[in-house]
Protein backbone atom coordinates (compact mmCIF):
# COMPACT_ATOMS: atom_id res chain seq x y z
CA UNK A 1 -32.31 12.18 -26.55
CA UNK A 2 -30.60 8.99 -27.08
CA UNK A 3 -31.80 6.28 -29.46
CA UNK A 4 -33.55 3.62 -27.17
CA UNK A 5 -32.09 0.38 -27.76
CA UNK A 6 -34.24 -2.92 -28.23
CA UNK A 7 -34.44 -4.41 -24.61
CA UNK A 8 -35.34 -7.86 -26.09
CA UNK A 9 -31.68 -7.75 -27.40
CA UNK A 10 -30.07 -6.97 -24.24
CA UNK A 11 -28.50 -10.07 -22.68
CA UNK A 12 -29.59 -10.76 -19.18
CA UNK A 13 -30.26 -13.38 -16.54
CA UNK A 14 -33.50 -14.36 -15.08
CA UNK A 15 -33.42 -15.15 -11.47
CA UNK A 16 -36.99 -14.69 -10.22
CA UNK A 17 -39.55 -17.01 -12.03
CA UNK A 18 -41.91 -19.30 -10.29
CA UNK A 19 -42.56 -22.75 -12.10
CA UNK A 20 -46.34 -22.57 -12.52
CA UNK A 21 -46.38 -18.85 -12.76
CA UNK A 22 -44.19 -19.06 -16.06
CA UNK A 23 -47.03 -20.80 -17.95
CA UNK A 24 -48.39 -19.19 -21.12
CA UNK A 25 -52.04 -18.40 -20.71
CA UNK A 26 -52.77 -20.29 -23.91
CA UNK A 27 -51.21 -23.36 -22.37
CA UNK A 28 -53.32 -23.07 -19.25
CA UNK A 29 -56.38 -23.10 -21.21
CA UNK A 30 -55.41 -25.97 -23.36
CA UNK A 31 -54.42 -28.18 -20.35
CA UNK A 32 -57.64 -27.06 -18.36
CA UNK A 33 -59.54 -28.32 -21.47
CA UNK A 34 -57.44 -31.65 -21.45
CA UNK A 35 -58.25 -32.46 -18.02
CA UNK A 36 -61.71 -31.04 -17.65
CA UNK A 37 -60.62 -28.36 -15.17
CA UNK A 38 -62.99 -25.65 -14.52
CA UNK A 39 -60.79 -22.56 -14.13
CA UNK A 40 -61.82 -19.43 -12.14
CA UNK A 41 -63.02 -16.77 -14.48
CA UNK A 42 -60.08 -14.62 -13.61
CA UNK A 43 -57.80 -17.08 -15.44
CA UNK A 44 -59.96 -17.18 -18.54
CA UNK A 45 -60.79 -13.67 -19.20
CA UNK A 46 -57.99 -13.02 -21.82
CA UNK A 47 -56.18 -10.35 -19.35
CA UNK A 48 -54.31 -10.42 -16.26
CA UNK A 49 -56.49 -11.00 -13.16
CA UNK A 50 -57.13 -8.16 -10.70
CA UNK A 51 -54.92 -9.04 -7.66
CA UNK A 52 -54.25 -7.21 -4.33
CA UNK A 53 -52.26 -9.42 -1.82
CA UNK A 54 -51.68 -6.69 0.84
CA UNK A 55 -54.16 -8.41 3.22
CA UNK A 56 -54.75 -12.14 4.12
CA UNK A 57 -57.95 -12.14 1.74
CA UNK A 58 -56.33 -10.88 -1.23
CA UNK A 59 -53.42 -13.37 -0.69
CA UNK A 60 -55.66 -16.06 -0.34
CA UNK A 61 -57.21 -15.29 -3.73
CA UNK A 62 -53.83 -14.93 -5.50
CA UNK A 63 -52.93 -18.28 -4.10
CA UNK A 64 -56.24 -19.81 -5.06
CA UNK A 65 -55.64 -18.78 -8.60
CA UNK A 66 -52.09 -20.20 -8.57
CA UNK A 67 -53.28 -23.51 -7.17
CA UNK A 68 -55.88 -23.74 -9.92
CA UNK A 69 -53.27 -23.25 -12.55
CA UNK A 70 -51.00 -25.60 -10.92
CA UNK A 71 -53.80 -28.49 -10.92
CA UNK A 72 -53.53 -28.45 -14.57
CA UNK A 73 -49.99 -29.75 -14.57
CA UNK A 74 -50.47 -33.57 -14.21
CA UNK A 75 -48.28 -35.66 -16.42
CA UNK A 76 -44.51 -35.45 -17.34
CA UNK A 77 -45.50 -34.08 -20.80
CA UNK A 78 -47.11 -31.13 -19.17
CA UNK A 79 -43.80 -30.48 -17.20
CA UNK A 80 -41.70 -30.82 -20.36
CA UNK A 81 -44.12 -28.49 -22.15
CA UNK A 82 -44.13 -25.51 -19.54
CA UNK A 83 -40.34 -25.70 -19.11
CA UNK A 84 -39.81 -25.60 -22.79
CA UNK A 85 -42.21 -22.56 -23.27
CA UNK A 86 -40.69 -20.86 -20.46
CA UNK A 87 -37.22 -21.23 -21.84
CA UNK A 88 -38.59 -19.81 -25.33
CA UNK A 89 -40.20 -17.01 -23.73
CA UNK A 90 -37.09 -16.09 -22.07
CA UNK A 91 -34.90 -16.48 -25.02
CA UNK A 92 -37.23 -13.98 -26.89
CA UNK A 93 -36.73 -11.52 -24.25
CA UNK A 94 -33.02 -11.64 -24.36
CA UNK A 95 -32.31 -13.87 -21.23
CA UNK A 96 -29.23 -15.95 -21.64
CA UNK A 97 -29.58 -17.69 -18.22
CA UNK A 98 -32.66 -18.74 -16.25
CA UNK A 99 -32.94 -19.98 -12.82
CA UNK A 100 -36.45 -21.41 -12.36
CA UNK A 101 -38.02 -21.74 -8.90
CA UNK A 102 -40.00 -24.78 -7.99
CA UNK A 103 -41.36 -26.52 -4.84
CA UNK A 104 -41.69 -30.16 -6.01
CA UNK A 105 -43.96 -31.15 -3.22
CA UNK A 106 -46.94 -29.52 -5.07
CA UNK A 107 -46.40 -31.73 -8.12
CA UNK A 108 -45.15 -34.88 -6.40
CA UNK A 109 -48.48 -36.44 -5.78
CA UNK A 110 -49.29 -36.61 -9.51
CA UNK A 111 -45.88 -37.64 -10.75
CA UNK A 112 -45.10 -40.66 -8.64
CA UNK A 113 -43.60 -39.01 -5.56
CA UNK A 114 -40.85 -36.33 -4.74
CA UNK A 115 -37.94 -37.85 -6.21
CA UNK A 116 -39.80 -38.65 -9.61
CA UNK A 117 -41.08 -35.17 -9.60
CA UNK A 118 -37.56 -33.70 -9.11
CA UNK A 119 -36.07 -36.04 -11.86
CA UNK A 120 -38.99 -35.02 -14.41
CA UNK A 121 -38.25 -31.36 -13.78
CA UNK A 122 -34.46 -31.56 -14.11
CA UNK A 123 -34.96 -33.60 -17.20
CA UNK A 124 -37.14 -31.13 -18.61
CA UNK A 125 -34.66 -28.36 -17.86
CA UNK A 126 -31.89 -30.13 -19.63
CA UNK A 127 -33.98 -30.82 -22.53
CA UNK A 128 -35.28 -27.19 -22.78
CA UNK A 129 -31.76 -25.88 -22.28
CA UNK A 130 -30.44 -28.05 -25.35
CA UNK A 131 -33.35 -27.25 -27.52
CA UNK A 132 -33.29 -23.46 -27.02
CA UNK A 133 -29.67 -22.79 -26.03
CA UNK A 134 -30.66 -21.04 -22.87
CA UNK A 135 -28.58 -21.74 -19.94
CA UNK A 136 -31.01 -22.96 -17.23
CA UNK A 137 -30.79 -24.18 -13.67
CA UNK A 138 -33.37 -24.95 -10.93
CA UNK A 139 -33.66 -23.34 -7.45
CA UNK A 140 -35.90 -25.51 -4.94
CA UNK A 141 -38.04 -23.57 -2.85
CA UNK A 142 -39.63 -24.62 0.60
CA UNK A 143 -43.08 -23.12 1.54
CA UNK A 144 -43.40 -20.90 4.57
CA UNK A 145 -46.88 -22.28 5.04
CA UNK A 146 -45.73 -25.63 5.81
CA UNK A 147 -43.71 -27.21 8.65
CA UNK A 148 -40.00 -26.37 8.94
CA UNK A 149 -39.13 -30.29 9.00
CA UNK A 150 -40.71 -30.36 5.45
CA UNK A 151 -38.12 -27.61 4.46
CA UNK A 152 -35.34 -29.60 5.74
CA UNK A 153 -36.44 -32.70 3.65
CA UNK A 154 -36.48 -30.55 0.57
CA UNK A 155 -33.06 -28.99 1.34
CA UNK A 156 -31.49 -32.39 1.54
CA UNK A 157 -33.26 -33.50 -1.83
CA UNK A 158 -31.86 -30.24 -3.45
CA UNK A 159 -28.39 -30.89 -2.18
CA UNK A 160 -28.50 -34.59 -3.61
CA UNK A 161 -29.41 -33.12 -6.92
CA UNK A 162 -26.99 -30.36 -6.93
CA UNK A 163 -24.89 -32.00 -9.56
CA UNK A 164 -27.94 -32.47 -11.76
CA UNK A 165 -28.63 -28.71 -12.12
CA UNK A 166 -29.96 -27.56 -8.75
CA UNK A 167 -28.27 -24.33 -7.78
CA UNK A 168 -30.01 -22.65 -5.04
CA UNK A 169 -32.67 -23.16 -2.08
CA UNK A 170 -35.35 -20.59 -1.46
CA UNK A 171 -38.46 -19.86 0.70
CA UNK A 172 -41.61 -18.52 -0.69
CA UNK A 173 -45.28 -18.11 -0.02
CA UNK A 174 -46.68 -15.36 2.42
CA UNK A 175 -43.85 -13.95 4.21
CA UNK A 176 -46.24 -12.78 7.02
CA UNK A 177 -46.56 -16.31 8.11
CA UNK A 178 -43.76 -18.25 9.77
CA UNK A 179 -40.53 -16.76 11.06
CA UNK A 180 -37.30 -16.85 8.88
CA UNK A 181 -35.49 -18.53 11.67
CA UNK A 182 -37.83 -21.32 11.95
CA UNK A 183 -36.20 -22.52 8.66
CA UNK A 184 -32.67 -21.80 9.70
CA UNK A 185 -31.59 -25.41 9.86
CA UNK A 186 -33.10 -26.15 6.28
CA UNK A 187 -31.04 -23.43 4.93
CA UNK A 188 -27.73 -24.60 6.63
CA UNK A 189 -28.30 -27.85 4.93
CA UNK A 190 -28.62 -26.34 1.68
CA UNK A 191 -25.56 -23.82 2.31
CA UNK A 192 -23.50 -26.63 3.52
CA UNK A 193 -24.38 -28.60 0.43
CA UNK A 194 -23.16 -25.75 -1.78
CA UNK A 195 -26.38 -24.20 -2.79
CA UNK A 196 -27.06 -20.32 -2.79
CA UNK A 197 -29.36 -19.27 -0.23
CA UNK A 198 -32.34 -17.24 -2.02
CA UNK A 199 -35.53 -16.69 0.31
CA UNK A 200 -38.21 -14.27 -0.26
CA UNK A 201 -38.25 -11.08 1.96
CA UNK A 202 -38.95 -7.62 1.83
CA UNK A 203 -42.16 -7.79 -0.26
CA UNK A 204 -45.42 -7.86 1.74
CA UNK A 205 -43.61 -7.00 4.92
CA UNK A 206 -41.13 -4.43 5.37
CA UNK A 207 -37.29 -4.09 5.86
CA UNK A 208 -37.29 -6.41 9.08
CA UNK A 209 -38.06 -9.60 6.97
CA UNK A 210 -34.98 -8.64 4.78
CA UNK A 211 -32.75 -8.38 7.93
CA UNK A 212 -34.23 -11.74 9.15
CA UNK A 213 -33.12 -13.42 5.71
CA UNK A 214 -29.55 -12.05 6.16
CA UNK A 215 -29.16 -12.72 9.85
CA UNK A 216 -31.26 -16.12 10.31
CA UNK A 217 -30.76 -17.67 6.90
CA UNK A 218 -27.50 -16.10 5.74
CA UNK A 219 -29.15 -15.08 2.38
CA UNK A 220 -26.87 -14.50 -0.74
CA UNK A 221 -29.76 -13.19 -2.57
CA UNK A 222 -33.12 -11.86 -1.50
CA UNK A 223 -36.16 -12.79 -3.56
CA UNK A 224 -37.84 -9.26 -3.91
CA UNK A 225 -36.25 -7.11 -1.20
CA UNK A 226 -37.57 -3.92 -2.38
CA UNK A 227 -38.97 -2.87 1.26
CA UNK A 228 -35.27 -2.38 2.00
CA UNK A 229 -35.59 1.03 0.49
CA UNK A 230 -37.31 2.21 3.73
CA UNK A 231 -34.21 1.68 5.82
CA UNK A 232 -30.94 3.41 4.75
CA UNK A 233 -28.72 1.21 7.13
CA UNK A 234 -30.09 -2.01 5.51
CA UNK A 235 -29.43 -0.62 1.93
CA UNK A 236 -25.89 0.15 2.97
CA UNK A 237 -25.61 -3.51 4.39
CA UNK A 238 -26.99 -4.87 1.13
CA UNK A 239 -24.68 -2.77 -1.06
CA UNK A 240 -21.62 -3.29 1.13
CA UNK A 241 -22.06 -7.09 0.88
CA UNK A 242 -23.40 -7.11 -2.64
CA UNK A 243 -26.54 -9.07 -1.87
CA UNK A 244 -28.53 -9.17 -5.10
CA UNK A 245 -32.22 -8.38 -4.81
CA UNK A 246 -34.53 -9.99 -7.33
CA UNK A 247 -36.71 -7.04 -8.00
CA UNK A 248 -40.09 -7.82 -9.77
CA UNK A 249 -41.61 -4.35 -10.50
CA UNK A 250 -44.84 -5.59 -12.40
CA UNK A 251 -45.63 -8.07 -9.52
CA UNK A 252 -45.05 -5.52 -6.83
CA UNK A 253 -47.71 -3.36 -8.54
CA UNK A 254 -50.09 -6.03 -9.29
CA UNK A 255 -50.14 -7.56 -5.64
CA UNK A 256 -50.62 -3.98 -4.22
CA UNK A 257 -47.18 -3.45 -2.75
CA UNK A 258 -46.77 -0.21 -4.60
CA UNK A 259 -49.65 1.68 -6.47
CA UNK A 260 -47.83 2.61 -9.59
CA UNK A 261 -44.82 1.37 -11.61
CA UNK A 262 -43.10 4.68 -10.71
CA UNK A 263 -43.56 3.93 -6.96
CA UNK A 264 -41.44 0.73 -6.91
CA UNK A 265 -38.13 2.15 -5.28
CA UNK A 266 -35.78 1.06 -8.36
CA UNK A 267 -33.68 4.30 -8.37
CA UNK A 268 -33.39 4.13 -4.42
CA UNK A 269 -31.89 0.76 -4.57
CA UNK A 270 -29.95 1.39 -7.73
CA UNK A 271 -28.28 4.64 -6.44
CA UNK A 272 -27.59 2.85 -3.22
CA UNK A 273 -25.36 0.41 -4.91
CA UNK A 274 -27.50 -2.54 -4.09
CA UNK A 275 -27.36 -5.00 -7.10
CA UNK A 276 -30.73 -6.02 -8.76
CA UNK A 277 -31.84 -8.60 -10.98
CA UNK A 278 -34.97 -7.72 -12.47
CA UNK A 279 -37.67 -10.63 -12.74
CA UNK A 280 -41.04 -11.41 -13.97
CA UNK A 281 -42.07 -13.54 -10.84
CA UNK A 282 -45.50 -14.96 -12.12
CA UNK A 283 -46.16 -13.91 -15.75
CA UNK A 284 -49.24 -16.04 -15.92
CA UNK A 285 -50.87 -13.95 -13.34
CA UNK A 286 -49.10 -10.46 -13.77
CA UNK A 287 -49.28 -10.32 -17.53
CA UNK A 288 -45.58 -9.43 -18.28
CA UNK A 289 -42.30 -11.21 -18.74
CA UNK A 290 -38.55 -10.32 -18.53
CA UNK A 291 -38.04 -7.56 -20.95
CA UNK A 292 -41.06 -5.60 -19.48
CA UNK A 293 -39.39 -5.28 -16.33
CA UNK A 294 -36.46 -3.34 -18.12
CA UNK A 295 -39.09 -1.26 -19.95
CA UNK A 296 -40.69 -0.24 -16.73
CA UNK A 297 -37.13 0.75 -15.42
CA UNK A 298 -36.88 2.86 -18.82
CA UNK A 299 -40.20 4.38 -19.04
CA UNK A 300 -41.28 4.96 -15.29
CA UNK A 301 -37.80 5.68 -13.60
CA UNK A 302 -35.85 7.22 -16.53
CA UNK A 303 -33.13 4.64 -16.60
CA UNK A 304 -30.64 5.21 -19.44
CA UNK A 305 -29.61 2.46 -21.72
CA UNK A 306 -26.22 2.60 -19.84
CA UNK A 307 -27.96 2.04 -16.72
CA UNK A 308 -30.02 -0.63 -17.98
CA UNK A 309 -26.84 -2.36 -19.30
CA UNK A 310 -25.66 -2.22 -15.64
CA UNK A 311 -28.88 -3.61 -14.43
CA UNK A 312 -28.46 -6.57 -16.78
CA UNK A 313 -24.77 -6.78 -15.64
CA UNK A 314 -25.91 -7.07 -12.02
CA UNK A 315 -28.34 -9.88 -13.04
CA UNK A 316 -25.54 -11.98 -14.45
CA UNK A 317 -23.17 -11.15 -11.59
CA UNK A 318 -25.95 -12.32 -9.01
CA UNK A 319 -26.48 -15.50 -10.87
CA UNK A 320 -25.13 -19.02 -10.44
CA UNK A 321 -24.12 -19.25 -14.02
CA UNK A 322 -20.50 -20.60 -14.66
CA UNK A 323 -17.70 -18.11 -15.24
CA UNK A 324 -17.50 -18.78 -19.11
CA UNK A 325 -21.45 -18.14 -19.45
CA UNK A 326 -21.14 -15.01 -17.36
CA UNK A 327 -18.28 -13.74 -19.27
CA UNK A 328 -20.07 -14.31 -22.68
CA UNK A 329 -23.37 -12.55 -21.25
CA UNK A 330 -21.25 -9.59 -20.04
CA UNK A 331 -19.60 -9.17 -23.33
CA UNK A 332 -22.88 -9.22 -25.05
CA UNK A 333 -24.14 -6.56 -22.65
CA UNK A 334 -21.12 -4.46 -23.72
CA UNK A 335 -21.96 -4.98 -27.36
CA UNK A 336 -25.46 -4.17 -27.01
CA UNK A 337 -24.45 -0.85 -25.38
CA UNK A 338 -21.81 0.16 -27.79
CA UNK A 339 -22.79 -1.79 -31.05
């Protein structure tokens, strides 16, 4: 049996991490105390909450916990702290590039408006990147639960700040609500502005939602995408076009998409040639960060170190990192495997 190399030393890119969901539990408790926020018991128990989002009630509970955590981010210093700590956690897990996803409309009311909120977030990302050495950019995400016109406003804002570190445009929240095609104009604005299109799909609903992201939004990456494993023709399409799926194994199990870690179809996607970028999604709620996703692939799917290195390569190639950053990370992956 081969010696198992340390997965925290494997260079990798992190392409699926939500803003509030990246928070350390200890930071959430401190901020709640600071502002006198009474958190739900599920966020103060010292262990990940029991979640299941495969029905409307379960998704509502998940969203309620997320909103409670977000309500503790009220001042620019809170934003700076969250971003710096997210970067520190990623560095500990071997990440050399992070694309953090945020819907700024959620923070704008407390930060002076949409533009100040975006500028505070981008300044925080710049500072955290300098302090930690982690390459870091932002993906602006629209909310499926809101009107498509709101998404167009966000897309224009994202394009406006593309030269300040915004690299992509996403679409998040419950994919059972709102048709992908309702947001086609927002994604066209983003693509025409040079941003990559990375909507969520194929998590809570099946392969059809992945096809909709490809056909209607011209996605270059898919947030999650695991349900594509149920459709061989769709797998071939993703593989042929090299569309990266941002797969979040711990999240899939925590939300009830799959019952057990071994049920997540990592092998099916990998062997079909679909590029994957493993992600932690919302560590605050799911209890595990980036390296733990690679550990799931090793422990529950028997990925060898050579295969884990290939997963890391796929995450780097699927990123918006500049060529020189990608080259450095890819060389580091080779060194991890052979050194």
